[in-house]
Protein backbone atom coordinates (compact mmCIF):
# COMPACT_ATOMS: atom_id res chain seq x y z
CA MET A 1 -16.59 2.31 4.92
CA CYS A 2 -15.81 1.49 1.30
CA GLU A 3 -15.43 -1.94 -0.22
CA SER A 4 -12.77 -2.61 -2.82
CA SER A 5 -12.37 -5.71 -4.94
CA ALA A 6 -9.91 -6.59 -7.68
CA PHE A 7 -11.05 -8.26 -10.88
CA MET A 8 -9.15 -9.91 -13.73
CA ILE A 9 -10.70 -9.08 -17.09
CA THR A 10 -10.00 -11.48 -19.96
CA SER A 11 -11.69 -12.36 -23.23
CA GLU A 12 -13.75 -14.94 -21.28
CA GLY A 13 -15.10 -12.27 -18.90
CA GLU A 14 -14.45 -10.97 -15.37
CA THR A 15 -13.10 -13.03 -12.46
CA LYS A 16 -12.93 -11.67 -8.91
CA ILE A 17 -9.36 -12.01 -7.61
CA ILE A 18 -9.51 -10.66 -4.05
CA ASP A 19 -11.88 -8.67 -1.79
CA TYR A 20 -11.11 -5.79 0.61
CA VAL A 21 -7.97 -4.65 -1.26
CA VAL A 22 -5.90 -2.12 0.68
CA ASP A 23 -2.54 -2.22 -1.13
CA ILE A 24 -1.31 -2.90 -4.68
CA VAL A 25 2.45 -3.20 -5.18
CA PRO A 26 4.11 -3.63 -8.59
CA ASN A 27 6.83 -6.29 -8.72
CA ASN A 28 10.02 -6.23 -10.83
CA ASP A 29 8.77 -9.10 -13.00
CA GLY A 30 5.65 -7.17 -14.10
CA SER A 31 3.27 -8.89 -11.69
CA LEU A 32 1.25 -7.16 -8.96
CA THR A 33 0.98 -8.11 -5.29
CA LEU A 34 -2.47 -7.32 -3.86
CA SER A 35 -3.04 -7.28 -0.09
CA ASN A 36 -6.36 -7.18 1.75
CA LEU A 37 -7.64 -6.10 5.16
CA LEU A 38 -7.56 -9.65 6.49
CA GLY A 39 -3.82 -10.06 5.80
CA GLY A 40 -4.20 -12.14 2.66
CA THR A 41 -2.13 -11.57 -0.45
CA LYS A 42 -2.48 -12.54 -4.07
CA ILE A 43 0.09 -12.19 -6.86
CA VAL A 44 -1.25 -11.64 -10.38
């Protein structure tokens, strides 16, 4: 089984956004919706 995590990279460094990512969906406003195995979502 593979692990997948999403990170935000800025000039200050890396920040982990969400673990166990299974789906990334682009939104009309330019943001992304990330979903994980546990049913959680995060919009960045």
